[in-house]
Amino acid sequence: MAATNPPVLTRTGAQRALPPAVKVGDRVAVIAPGSPVEPALLASGVRLLQSWSLEVEVFPHVLDSGRHPHLAGDDADRASDFVNAMTRPDIAAVVCARGGTGVGRTLEMLSAAQWKAITSATPRILVGSSDVTALHLALAARSAAVSVFGPMLATDVVAGDNPDDDTRDWLYKALFDENTHTQLVGTTARDGDVVNAPVIGGTLTLIESVLGTKDAAHASGCIVLLEDIGEPARRIDRSLTHLRRSGWFDGVVGFILGSFVDCGRDPRDVVLERIGDHRVPVIADVALGHGRPQHYIPLGQYVELNPSLSTISWTRRVQSLS
């Protein structure tokens, strides 16, 4: 049964733009809204941000351990860190340490008053992926915020013994680039006309996890990003079928397929079969998600999907606070 009246992502054109880019000396918050963080990776990631001349504040509960080993501390504490990071006026950007699991429980703790404080606060960049998909969708459902689906700080690809320099460069771009033209390149899996629309989505199973909640911003009129990790074809099929039957895909205008890591021999076949009847362009093999390298894309801001060139591009329109 379809979810009742899912929120529709506000699409107001020029009003939707990324929050201001950070500047040298700005304060950046690091939070852990989901799973526990490895201290060594966190320390390495913090050093990376500091090398970019940023002031880094690791929020109080990032290294907490809680009742369950799969969660970074208690639900209320993770929610408190998120709210404070998104509302304190001295914070220019919020970088998630990692994903994992638990963000749904974090969202469950947020009151209407806390959401009002978040949506009323000075906009700041939120960067994260994987389980953080649920935070991105919640922001899309409740506000006109634009956030960043991109690399996270305390991960092997950014802060491990063999970090990926390209991924680090794209994290830097997500934070610092202002009014620049950015382009992602993939392969065209389904041709069609050029599409200009906002992007919504992220990790497939996390999109599915918010169906039926107030955080399930609808994809109508949007380009949908899909990626995942460790999900065999049968579970990818099940998740996509659930999204189809719920009506979440109704009115989509394009698809971006990121990395599907450890998802079987060719998960793209299942994905393309399940979304093929939408008759919209699809660009696949884009470096978004759990692979190497990991690039970024703004969620909520308009991008151009060009199937003839196999590109997704945008000019970063940074919000003015004046």
C-alpha atoms as a PDB file:
ATOM      1  CA  MET A   1       0.000   0.000   0.000  1.00  0.00           C
ATOM      2  CA  ALA A   2       1.393   3.393  -0.955  1.00  0.00           C
ATOM      3  CA  ALA A   3       2.420   5.825   1.756  1.00  0.00           C
ATOM      4  CA  THR A   4      -0.218   8.486   2.407  1.00  0.00           C
ATOM      5  CA  ASN A   5       0.568  11.899   0.961  1.00  0.00           C
ATOM      6  CA  PRO A   6       4.383  11.694   1.067  1.00  0.00           C
ATOM      7  CA  PRO A   7       6.077  15.092   1.294  1.00  0.00           C
ATOM      8  CA  VAL A   8       7.083  16.514  -2.080  1.00  0.00           C
ATOM      9  CA  LEU A   9      10.542  17.983  -2.482  1.00  0.00           C
ATOM     10  CA  THR A  10      10.171  21.735  -2.901  1.00  0.00           C
ATOM     11  CA  ARG A  11      11.507  22.803  -6.293  1.00  0.00           C
ATOM     12  CA  THR A  12      11.836  26.570  -6.406  1.00  0.00           C
ATOM     13  CA  GLY A  13      14.602  26.937  -8.957  1.00  0.00           C
ATOM     14  CA  ALA A  14      16.971  29.772  -8.127  1.00  0.00           C
ATOM     15  CA  GLN A  15      16.000  29.782  -4.438  1.00  0.00           C
ATOM     16  CA  ARG A  16      17.619  26.365  -3.958  1.00  0.00           C
ATOM     17  CA  ALA A  17      21.391  26.516  -3.704  1.00  0.00           C
ATOM     18  CA  LEU A  18      24.156  25.133  -1.564  1.00  0.00           C
ATOM     19  CA  PRO A  19      24.927  26.994   1.658  1.00  0.00           C
ATOM     20  CA  PRO A  20      28.010  29.220   1.591  1.00  0.00           C
ATOM     21  CA  ALA A  21      31.337  27.515   0.990  1.00  0.00           C
ATOM     22  CA  VAL A  22      33.703  27.400   3.941  1.00  0.00           C
ATOM     23  CA  LYS A  23      36.679  29.743   4.188  1.00  0.00           C
ATOM     24  CA  VAL A  24      40.083  29.358   5.773  1.00  0.00           C
ATOM     25  CA  GLY A  25      39.659  29.589   9.524  1.00  0.00           C
ATOM     26  CA  ASP A  26      36.012  28.515   9.585  1.00  0.00           C
ATOM     27  CA  ARG A  27      34.784  26.055  12.207  1.00  0.00           C
ATOM     28  CA  VAL A  28      33.620  22.650  10.981  1.00  0.00           C
ATOM     29  CA  ALA A  29      31.622  20.222  13.112  1.00  0.00           C
ATOM     30  CA  VAL A  30      32.207  16.472  12.968  1.00  0.00           C
ATOM     31  CA  ILE A  31      29.266  14.297  14.036  1.00  0.00           C
ATOM     32  CA  ALA A  32      28.486  10.574  14.096  1.00  0.00           C
ATOM     33  CA  PRO A  33      24.727  10.192  13.505  1.00  0.00           C
ATOM     34  CA  GLY A  34      24.894   6.421  12.962  1.00  0.00           C
ATOM     35  CA  SER A  35      27.471   3.765  13.749  1.00  0.00           C
ATOM     36  CA  PRO A  36      30.595   3.862  15.976  1.00  0.00           C
ATOM     37  CA  VAL A  37      33.688   5.630  14.742  1.00  0.00           C
ATOM     38  CA  GLU A  38      37.216   4.199  14.755  1.00  0.00           C
ATOM     39  CA  PRO A  39      39.358   6.670  16.746  1.00  0.00           C
ATOM     40  CA  ALA A  40      42.430   6.327  14.523  1.00  0.00           C
ATOM     41  CA  LEU A  41      40.443   7.067  11.369  1.00  0.00           C
ATOM     42  CA  LEU A  42      38.746   9.999  13.067  1.00  0.00           C
ATOM     43  CA  ALA A  43      42.091  11.469  14.164  1.00  0.00           C
ATOM     44  CA  SER A  44      43.469  11.110  10.633  1.00  0.00           C
ATOM     45  CA  GLY A  45      40.400  12.749   9.126  1.00  0.00           C
ATOM     46  CA  VAL A  46      40.558  15.632  11.583  1.00  0.00           C
ATOM     47  CA  ARG A  47      44.205  16.215  10.657  1.00  0.00           C
ATOM     48  CA  LEU A  48      43.153  16.387   7.008  1.00  0.00           C
ATOM     49  CA  LEU A  49      40.599  19.117   7.724  1.00  0.00           C
ATOM     50  CA  GLN A  50      43.124  20.971   9.850  1.00  0.00           C
ATOM     51  CA  SER A  51      45.624  20.806   6.989  1.00  0.00           C
ATOM     52  CA  TRP A  52      43.073  22.821   5.004  1.00  0.00           C
ATOM     53  CA  SER A  53      43.263  25.535   7.709  1.00  0.00           C
ATOM     54  CA  LEU A  54      39.881  24.758   9.194  1.00  0.00           C
ATOM     55  CA  GLU A  55      38.994  24.807  12.878  1.00  0.00           C
ATOM     56  CA  VAL A  56      37.625  21.339  13.656  1.00  0.00           C
ATOM     57  CA  GLU A  57      35.265  20.556  16.506  1.00  0.00           C
ATOM     58  CA  VAL A  58      34.572  16.883  17.120  1.00  0.00           C
ATOM     59  CA  PHE A  59      31.169  16.944  18.780  1.00  0.00           C
ATOM     60  CA  PRO A  60      30.799  15.476  22.285  1.00  0.00           C
ATOM     61  CA  HIS A  61      29.240  12.098  21.483  1.00  0.00           C
ATOM     62  CA  VAL A  62      31.164  11.088  18.354  1.00  0.00           C
ATOM     63  CA  LEU A  63      33.285   8.483  20.161  1.00  0.00           C
ATOM     64  CA  ASP A  64      30.593   7.317  22.572  1.00  0.00           C
ATOM     65  CA  SER A  65      29.705   3.666  22.972  1.00  0.00           C
ATOM     66  CA  GLY A  66      26.107   2.812  23.751  1.00  0.00           C
ATOM     67  CA  ARG A  67      23.840  -0.041  24.603  1.00  0.00           C
ATOM     68  CA  HIS A  68      24.220  -1.604  21.175  1.00  0.00           C
ATOM     69  CA  PRO A  69      27.616  -2.073  19.491  1.00  0.00           C
ATOM     70  CA  HIS A  70      26.262  -1.019  16.089  1.00  0.00           C
ATOM     71  CA  LEU A  71      25.355   2.460  17.359  1.00  0.00           C
ATOM     72  CA  ALA A  72      27.557   5.449  18.160  1.00  0.00           C
ATOM     73  CA  GLY A  73      26.236   6.108  21.657  1.00  0.00           C
ATOM     74  CA  ASP A  74      22.668   6.811  22.689  1.00  0.00           C
ATOM     75  CA  ASP A  75      19.989   7.937  20.256  1.00  0.00           C
ATOM     76  CA  ALA A  76      19.232  11.165  22.119  1.00  0.00           C
ATOM     77  CA  ASP A  77      22.920  12.103  22.275  1.00  0.00           C
ATOM     78  CA  ARG A  78      23.423  11.565  18.535  1.00  0.00           C
ATOM     79  CA  ALA A  79      20.332  13.675  17.894  1.00  0.00           C
ATOM     80  CA  SER A  80      21.618  16.399  20.209  1.00  0.00           C
ATOM     81  CA  ASP A  81      24.930  16.560  18.350  1.00  0.00           C
ATOM     82  CA  PHE A  82      23.107  16.808  15.018  1.00  0.00           C
ATOM     83  CA  VAL A  83      20.794  19.597  16.172  1.00  0.00           C
ATOM     84  CA  ASN A  84      23.602  21.592  17.771  1.00  0.00           C
ATOM     85  CA  ALA A  85      25.847  21.208  14.719  1.00  0.00           C
ATOM     86  CA  MET A  86      23.048  22.385  12.419  1.00  0.00           C
ATOM     87  CA  THR A  87      22.011  25.355  14.558  1.00  0.00           C
ATOM     88  CA  ARG A  88      25.076  26.812  16.275  1.00  0.00           C
ATOM     89  CA  PRO A  89      25.902  30.091  14.511  1.00  0.00           C
ATOM     90  CA  ASP A  90      29.675  29.519  14.646  1.00  0.00           C
ATOM     91  CA  ILE A  91      29.520  26.286  12.598  1.00  0.00           C
ATOM     92  CA  ALA A  92      30.143  26.740   8.875  1.00  0.00           C
ATOM     93  CA  ALA A  93      29.830  23.077   7.818  1.00  0.00           C
ATOM     94  CA  VAL A  94      28.921  19.682   9.236  1.00  0.00           C
ATOM     95  CA  VAL A  95      30.874  16.615   8.132  1.00  0.00           C
ATOM     96  CA  CYS A  96      29.628  13.172   9.090  1.00  0.00           C
ATOM     97  CA  ALA A  97      32.337  10.856  10.380  1.00  0.00           C
ATOM     98  CA  ARG A  98      30.731   7.747   8.897  1.00  0.00           C
ATOM     99  CA  GLY A  99      27.417   6.098   8.085  1.00  0.00           C
ATOM    100  CA  GLY A 100      26.747   2.497   9.002  1.00  0.00           C
ATOM    101  CA  THR A 101      23.363   2.284  10.691  1.00  0.00           C
ATOM    102  CA  GLY A 102      21.329   4.137  13.273  1.00  0.00           C
ATOM    103  CA  VAL A 103      20.379   7.395  11.538  1.00  0.00           C
ATOM    104  CA  GLY A 104      16.725   6.375  11.512  1.00  0.00           C
ATOM    105  CA  ARG A 105      16.837   6.088  15.294  1.00  0.00           C
ATOM    106  CA  THR A 106      18.511   9.502  15.460  1.00  0.00           C
ATOM    107  CA  LEU A 107      15.729  11.046  13.369  1.00  0.00           C
ATOM    108  CA  GLU A 108      13.129   9.450  15.602  1.00  0.00           C
ATOM    109  CA  MET A 109      14.412  11.544  18.512  1.00  0.00           C
ATOM    110  CA  LEU A 110      13.976  14.921  16.803  1.00  0.00           C
ATOM    111  CA  SER A 111      11.024  17.036  17.886  1.00  0.00           C
ATOM    112  CA  ALA A 112       9.068  19.497  15.776  1.00  0.00           C
ATOM    113  CA  ALA A 113      10.713  22.326  17.727  1.00  0.00           C
ATOM    114  CA  GLN A 114      14.186  20.985  16.938  1.00  0.00           C
ATOM    115  CA  TRP A 115      13.342  20.706  13.247  1.00  0.00           C
ATOM    116  CA  LYS A 116      12.076  24.280  13.329  1.00  0.00           C
ATOM    117  CA  ALA A 117      15.381  25.377  14.858  1.00  0.00           C
ATOM    118  CA  ILE A 118      17.338  23.504  12.165  1.00  0.00           C
ATOM    119  CA  THR A 119      15.341  24.908   9.264  1.00  0.00           C
ATOM    120  CA  SER A 120      15.431  28.428  10.729  1.00  0.00           C
ATOM    121  CA  ALA A 121      19.172  28.466  11.402  1.00  0.00           C
ATOM    122  CA  THR A 122      21.810  30.003   9.159  1.00  0.00           C
ATOM    123  CA  PRO A 123      22.340  27.428   6.363  1.00  0.00           C
ATOM    124  CA  ARG A 124      25.522  25.386   6.494  1.00  0.00           C
ATOM    125  CA  ILE A 125      26.881  22.523   4.399  1.00  0.00           C
ATOM    126  CA  LEU A 126      26.050  18.973   5.522  1.00  0.00           C
ATOM    127  CA  VAL A 127      28.246  16.282   3.939  1.00  0.00           C
ATOM    128  CA  GLY A 128      27.614  12.559   4.225  1.00  0.00           C
ATOM    129  CA  SER A 129      26.509   9.419   2.409  1.00  0.00           C
ATOM    130  CA  SER A 130      25.402   5.845   3.077  1.00  0.00           C
ATOM    131  CA  ASP A 131      23.187   5.860   6.213  1.00  0.00           C
ATOM    132  CA  VAL A 132      23.275   9.674   6.119  1.00  0.00           C
ATOM    133  CA  THR A 133      20.939   9.362   3.117  1.00  0.00           C
ATOM    134  CA  ALA A 134      18.122   9.372   5.691  1.00  0.00           C
ATOM    135  CA  LEU A 135      19.268  12.779   7.002  1.00  0.00           C
ATOM    136  CA  HIS A 136      19.392  14.173   3.466  1.00  0.00           C
ATOM    137  CA  LEU A 137      15.860  12.951   2.755  1.00  0.00           C
ATOM    138  CA  ALA A 138      14.586  14.375   6.037  1.00  0.00           C
ATOM    139  CA  LEU A 139      16.056  17.781   5.202  1.00  0.00           C
ATOM    140  CA  ALA A 140      14.508  17.618   1.726  1.00  0.00           C
ATOM    141  CA  ALA A 141      11.113  16.727   3.162  1.00  0.00           C
ATOM    142  CA  ARG A 142      11.101  19.431   5.810  1.00  0.00           C
ATOM    143  CA  SER A 143      12.880  22.384   4.218  1.00  0.00           C
ATOM    144  CA  ALA A 144      14.389  23.864   1.069  1.00  0.00           C
ATOM    145  CA  ALA A 145      17.868  22.870   2.262  1.00  0.00           C
ATOM    146  CA  VAL A 146      20.487  21.659  -0.200  1.00  0.00           C
ATOM    147  CA  SER A 147      22.929  19.122   1.222  1.00  0.00           C
ATOM    148  CA  VAL A 148      25.883  17.140  -0.108  1.00  0.00           C
ATOM    149  CA  PHE A 149      25.987  13.422  -0.818  1.00  0.00           C
ATOM    150  CA  GLY A 150      29.714  12.845  -0.602  1.00  0.00           C
ATOM    151  CA  PRO A 151      32.751  11.411   1.195  1.00  0.00           C
ATOM    152  CA  MET A 152      32.809  11.031   4.972  1.00  0.00           C
ATOM    153  CA  LEU A 153      35.700  11.802   7.260  1.00  0.00           C
ATOM    154  CA  ALA A 154      36.519   8.702   9.330  1.00  0.00           C
ATOM    155  CA  THR A 155      36.511   6.205   6.483  1.00  0.00           C
ATOM    156  CA  ASP A 156      39.271   4.181   4.869  1.00  0.00           C
ATOM    157  CA  VAL A 157      38.942   5.990   1.544  1.00  0.00           C
ATOM    158  CA  VAL A 158      39.537   9.389   3.186  1.00  0.00           C
ATOM    159  CA  ALA A 159      41.554   8.676   6.323  1.00  0.00           C
ATOM    160  CA  GLY A 160      42.881   5.114   6.095  1.00  0.00           C
ATOM    161  CA  ASP A 161      46.412   3.879   5.495  1.00  0.00           C
ATOM    162  CA  ASN A 162      45.837   4.055   1.730  1.00  0.00           C
ATOM    163  CA  PRO A 163      43.546   7.055   1.210  1.00  0.00           C
ATOM    164  CA  ASP A 164      42.253   7.985  -2.233  1.00  0.00           C
ATOM    165  CA  ASP A 165      43.586  11.382  -3.270  1.00  0.00           C
ATOM    166  CA  ASP A 166      40.762  11.954  -5.760  1.00  0.00           C
ATOM    167  CA  THR A 167      38.189  11.388  -3.013  1.00  0.00           C
ATOM    168  CA  ARG A 168      40.005  13.820  -0.726  1.00  0.00           C
ATOM    169  CA  ASP A 169      40.023  16.394  -3.520  1.00  0.00           C
ATOM    170  CA  TRP A 170      36.263  16.047  -3.957  1.00  0.00           C
ATOM    171  CA  LEU A 171      35.662  16.429  -0.229  1.00  0.00           C
ATOM    172  CA  TYR A 172      37.705  19.627  -0.412  1.00  0.00           C
ATOM    173  CA  LYS A 173      35.591  20.794  -3.373  1.00  0.00           C
ATOM    174  CA  ALA A 174      32.365  20.051  -1.517  1.00  0.00           C
ATOM    175  CA  LEU A 175      33.468  22.316   1.309  1.00  0.00           C
ATOM    176  CA  PHE A 176      35.456  25.088  -0.399  1.00  0.00           C
ATOM    177  CA  ASP A 177      34.407  25.472  -4.047  1.00  0.00           C
ATOM    178  CA  GLU A 178      32.279  28.515  -4.740  1.00  0.00           C
ATOM    179  CA  ASN A 179      30.466  29.454  -7.963  1.00  0.00           C
ATOM    180  CA  THR A 180      32.300  26.804  -9.961  1.00  0.00           C
ATOM    181  CA  HIS A 181      31.155  24.515 -12.754  1.00  0.00           C
ATOM    182  CA  THR A 182      31.421  20.864 -11.711  1.00  0.00           C
ATOM    183  CA  GLN A 183      30.942  17.760 -13.806  1.00  0.00           C
ATOM    184  CA  LEU A 184      30.552  14.056 -13.110  1.00  0.00           C
ATOM    185  CA  VAL A 185      31.086  11.532 -15.906  1.00  0.00           C
ATOM    186  CA  GLY A 186      29.531   8.090 -16.207  1.00  0.00           C
ATOM    187  CA  THR A 187      28.170   5.880 -18.977  1.00  0.00           C
ATOM    188  CA  THR A 188      24.789   6.269 -20.607  1.00  0.00           C
ATOM    189  CA  ALA A 189      22.616   3.282 -19.767  1.00  0.00           C
ATOM    190  CA  ARG A 190      19.457   4.773 -21.292  1.00  0.00           C
ATOM    191  CA  ASP A 191      19.371   7.653 -23.779  1.00  0.00           C
ATOM    192  CA  GLY A 192      16.970  10.556 -23.821  1.00  0.00           C
ATOM    193  CA  ASP A 193      16.723  14.322 -23.741  1.00  0.00           C
ATOM    194  CA  VAL A 194      18.832  16.581 -21.566  1.00  0.00           C
ATOM    195  CA  VAL A 195      17.198  16.954 -18.150  1.00  0.00           C
ATOM    196  CA  ASN A 196      17.529  19.850 -15.703  1.00  0.00           C
ATOM    197  CA  ALA A 197      16.150  18.978 -12.265  1.00  0.00           C
ATOM    198  CA  PRO A 198      17.091  18.646  -8.603  1.00  0.00           C
ATOM    199  CA  VAL A 199      18.676  15.412  -7.366  1.00  0.00           C
ATOM    200  CA  ILE A 200      17.195  13.291  -4.599  1.00  0.00           C
ATOM    201  CA  GLY A 201      18.155   9.902  -3.203  1.00  0.00           C
ATOM    202  CA  GLY A 202      21.381   8.183  -2.268  1.00  0.00           C
ATOM    203  CA  THR A 203      21.806   4.699  -0.853  1.00  0.00           C
ATOM    204  CA  LEU A 204      18.951   2.509  -2.106  1.00  0.00           C
ATOM    205  CA  THR A 205      18.178   0.613   1.090  1.00  0.00           C
ATOM    206  CA  LEU A 206      18.191   3.858   3.095  1.00  0.00           C
ATOM    207  CA  ILE A 207      15.707   5.458   0.725  1.00  0.00           C
ATOM    208  CA  GLU A 208      13.477   2.440   1.263  1.00  0.00           C
ATOM    209  CA  SER A 209      13.914   2.708   5.041  1.00  0.00           C
ATOM    210  CA  VAL A 210      12.152   6.092   5.243  1.00  0.00           C
ATOM    211  CA  LEU A 211       9.051   5.116   3.263  1.00  0.00           C
ATOM    212  CA  GLY A 212       5.896   5.778   5.248  1.00  0.00           C
ATOM    213  CA  THR A 213       7.577   8.373   7.477  1.00  0.00           C
ATOM    214  CA  LYS A 214       7.552  12.149   7.451  1.00  0.00           C
ATOM    215  CA  ASP A 215      11.097  11.988   6.059  1.00  0.00           C
ATOM    216  CA  ALA A 216      10.114  10.346   2.763  1.00  0.00           C
ATOM    217  CA  ALA A 217      10.457  13.327   0.431  1.00  0.00           C
ATOM    218  CA  HIS A 218       8.890  12.294  -2.882  1.00  0.00           C
ATOM    219  CA  ALA A 219      10.945  11.957  -6.067  1.00  0.00           C
ATOM    220  CA  SER A 220       8.400  13.492  -8.432  1.00  0.00           C
ATOM    221  CA  GLY A 221      10.079  15.952 -10.802  1.00  0.00           C
ATOM    222  CA  CYS A 222      13.553  14.927  -9.633  1.00  0.00           C
ATOM    223  CA  ILE A 223      16.584  13.003 -10.831  1.00  0.00           C
ATOM    224  CA  VAL A 224      17.015   9.991  -8.543  1.00  0.00           C
ATOM    225  CA  LEU A 225      20.463   8.886  -7.338  1.00  0.00           C
ATOM    226  CA  LEU A 226      20.793   5.194  -6.460  1.00  0.00           C
ATOM    227  CA  GLU A 227      23.788   3.291  -5.067  1.00  0.00           C
ATOM    228  CA  ASP A 228      24.458   0.654  -2.409  1.00  0.00           C
ATOM    229  CA  ILE A 229      26.898  -1.818  -0.872  1.00  0.00           C
ATOM    230  CA  GLY A 230      26.698  -5.477   0.097  1.00  0.00           C
ATOM    231  CA  GLU A 231      23.202  -6.014  -1.294  1.00  0.00           C
ATOM    232  CA  PRO A 232      22.779  -9.053  -3.583  1.00  0.00           C
ATOM    233  CA  ALA A 233      20.521  -8.843  -6.610  1.00  0.00           C
ATOM    234  CA  ARG A 234      17.522 -10.333  -4.835  1.00  0.00           C
ATOM    235  CA  ARG A 235      17.559  -7.630  -2.151  1.00  0.00           C
ATOM    236  CA  ILE A 236      18.173  -4.834  -4.669  1.00  0.00           C
ATOM    237  CA  ASP A 237      15.179  -6.181  -6.595  1.00  0.00           C
ATOM    238  CA  ARG A 238      13.066  -6.235  -3.437  1.00  0.00           C
ATOM    239  CA  SER A 239      13.989  -2.662  -2.458  1.00  0.00           C
ATOM    240  CA  LEU A 240      13.319  -1.298  -5.932  1.00  0.00           C
ATOM    241  CA  THR A 241      10.018  -3.151  -6.115  1.00  0.00           C
ATOM    242  CA  HIS A 242       8.993  -1.659  -2.764  1.00  0.00           C
ATOM    243  CA  LEU A 243       9.841   1.851  -3.987  1.00  0.00           C
ATOM    244  CA  ARG A 244       7.904   1.251  -7.208  1.00  0.00           C
ATOM    245  CA  ARG A 245       4.810  -0.092  -5.431  1.00  0.00           C
ATOM    246  CA  SER A 246       4.843   2.744  -2.899  1.00  0.00           C
ATOM    247  CA  GLY A 247       4.699   5.294  -5.712  1.00  0.00           C
ATOM    248  CA  TRP A 248       8.003   6.869  -4.690  1.00  0.00           C
ATOM    249  CA  PHE A 249       9.351   6.770  -8.253  1.00  0.00           C
ATOM    250  CA  ASP A 250       6.215   8.330  -9.800  1.00  0.00           C
ATOM    251  CA  GLY A 251       7.127  11.381 -11.867  1.00  0.00           C
ATOM    252  CA  VAL A 252      10.920  10.919 -11.855  1.00  0.00           C
ATOM    253  CA  VAL A 253      12.701  12.598 -14.762  1.00  0.00           C
ATOM    254  CA  GLY A 254      16.062  10.780 -14.728  1.00  0.00           C
ATOM    255  CA  PHE A 255      18.306   8.389 -12.835  1.00  0.00           C
ATOM    256  CA  ILE A 256      21.944   8.440 -11.739  1.00  0.00           C
ATOM    257  CA  LEU A 257      23.428   5.078 -10.796  1.00  0.00           C
ATOM    258  CA  GLY A 258      26.460   5.296  -8.516  1.00  0.00           C
ATOM    259  CA  SER A 259      28.626   2.458  -7.270  1.00  0.00           C
ATOM    260  CA  PHE A 260      27.118  -0.903  -6.298  1.00  0.00           C
ATOM    261  CA  VAL A 261      29.947  -2.420  -4.268  1.00  0.00           C
ATOM    262  CA  ASP A 262      29.882  -6.123  -3.388  1.00  0.00           C
ATOM    263  CA  CYS A 263      26.403  -6.438  -4.861  1.00  0.00           C
ATOM    264  CA  GLY A 264      26.941  -9.492  -7.031  1.00  0.00           C
ATOM    265  CA  ARG A 265      28.092 -10.000 -10.579  1.00  0.00           C
ATOM    266  CA  ASP A 266      26.097  -7.272 -12.351  1.00  0.00           C
ATOM    267  CA  PRO A 267      23.534  -5.547 -10.142  1.00  0.00           C
ATOM    268  CA  ARG A 268      23.019  -2.895 -12.824  1.00  0.00           C
ATOM    269  CA  ASP A 269      20.933  -5.373 -14.859  1.00  0.00           C
ATOM    270  CA  VAL A 270      18.428  -5.702 -12.015  1.00  0.00           C
ATOM    271  CA  VAL A 271      18.319  -1.940 -11.467  1.00  0.00           C
ATOM    272  CA  LEU A 272      17.798  -1.132 -15.134  1.00  0.00           C
ATOM    273  CA  GLU A 273      15.056  -3.745 -15.453  1.00  0.00           C
ATOM    274  CA  ARG A 274      13.184  -2.353 -12.436  1.00  0.00           C
ATOM    275  CA  ILE A 275      13.400   1.312 -13.502  1.00  0.00           C
ATOM    276  CA  GLY A 276      13.257   0.810 -17.273  1.00  0.00           C
ATOM    277  CA  ASP A 277       9.544   1.441 -17.709  1.00  0.00           C
ATOM    278  CA  HIS A 278       9.950   5.047 -16.555  1.00  0.00           C
ATOM    279  CA  ARG A 279      11.328   5.916 -19.999  1.00  0.00           C
ATOM    280  CA  VAL A 280      13.736   8.530 -18.673  1.00  0.00           C
ATOM    281  CA  PRO A 281      17.508   8.909 -19.240  1.00  0.00           C
ATOM    282  CA  VAL A 282      19.868   6.932 -17.025  1.00  0.00           C
ATOM    283  CA  ILE A 283      23.568   7.595 -16.460  1.00  0.00           C
ATOM    284  CA  ALA A 284      25.397   4.770 -14.689  1.00  0.00           C
ATOM    285  CA  ASP A 285      28.887   4.071 -13.336  1.00  0.00           C
ATOM    286  CA  VAL A 286      29.139   7.455 -11.622  1.00  0.00           C
ATOM    287  CA  ALA A 287      31.709   7.748  -8.793  1.00  0.00           C
ATOM    288  CA  LEU A 288      29.136   8.322  -6.060  1.00  0.00           C
ATOM    289  CA  GLY A 289      28.667   6.032  -3.089  1.00  0.00           C
ATOM    290  CA  HIS A 290      30.846   3.383  -1.507  1.00  0.00           C
ATOM    291  CA  GLY A 291      33.506   2.789  -4.168  1.00  0.00           C
ATOM    292  CA  ARG A 292      36.858   4.356  -5.021  1.00  0.00           C
ATOM    293  CA  PRO A 293      36.950   7.173  -5.838  1.00  0.00           C
ATOM    294  CA  GLN A 294      34.030   8.904  -4.170  1.00  0.00           C
ATOM    295  CA  HIS A 295      32.874  12.199  -5.639  1.00  0.00           C
ATOM    296  CA  TYR A 296      30.033  14.430  -4.457  1.00  0.00           C
ATOM    297  CA  ILE A 297      26.729  15.767  -5.745  1.00  0.00           C
ATOM    298  CA  PRO A 298      24.418  18.439  -4.297  1.00  0.00           C
ATOM    299  CA  LEU A 299      21.008  17.078  -3.295  1.00  0.00           C
ATOM    300  CA  GLY A 300      18.216  19.542  -3.986  1.00  0.00           C
ATOM    301  CA  GLN A 301      20.070  21.861  -6.350  1.00  0.00           C
ATOM    302  CA  TYR A 302      19.308  21.642 -10.054  1.00  0.00           C
ATOM    303  CA  VAL A 303      21.801  19.707 -12.175  1.00  0.00           C
ATOM    304  CA  GLU A 304      21.971  18.975 -15.890  1.00  0.00           C
ATOM    305  CA  LEU A 305      21.853  15.309 -16.851  1.00  0.00           C
ATOM    306  CA  ASN A 306      23.097  14.967 -20.438  1.00  0.00           C
ATOM    307  CA  PRO A 307      22.784  11.392 -21.736  1.00  0.00           C
ATOM    308  CA  SER A 308      24.477  12.152 -25.073  1.00  0.00           C
ATOM    309  CA  LEU A 309      27.643  13.215 -23.206  1.00  0.00           C
ATOM    310  CA  SER A 310      27.155  10.841 -20.228  1.00  0.00           C
ATOM    311  CA  THR A 311      27.585  13.771 -17.850  1.00  0.00           C
ATOM    312  CA  ILE A 312      25.936  15.321 -14.815  1.00  0.00           C
ATOM    313  CA  SER A 313      26.942  18.938 -14.325  1.00  0.00           C
ATOM    314  CA  TRP A 314      26.029  21.982 -12.323  1.00  0.00           C
ATOM    315  CA  THR A 315      27.247  25.433 -11.458  1.00  0.00           C
ATOM    316  CA  ARG A 316      27.437  25.751  -7.721  1.00  0.00           C
ATOM    317  CA  ARG A 317      25.075  28.552  -6.829  1.00  0.00           C
ATOM    318  CA  VAL A 318      26.056  29.460  -3.293  1.00  0.00           C
ATOM    319  CA  GLN A 319      23.447  31.103  -1.083  1.00  0.00           C
ATOM    320  CA  SER A 320      24.083  34.677  -0.092  1.00  0.00           C
ATOM    321  CA  LEU A 321      23.644  35.488   3.589  1.00  0.00           C
ATOM    322  CA  SER A 322      23.538  39.250   3.030  1.00  0.00           C
END
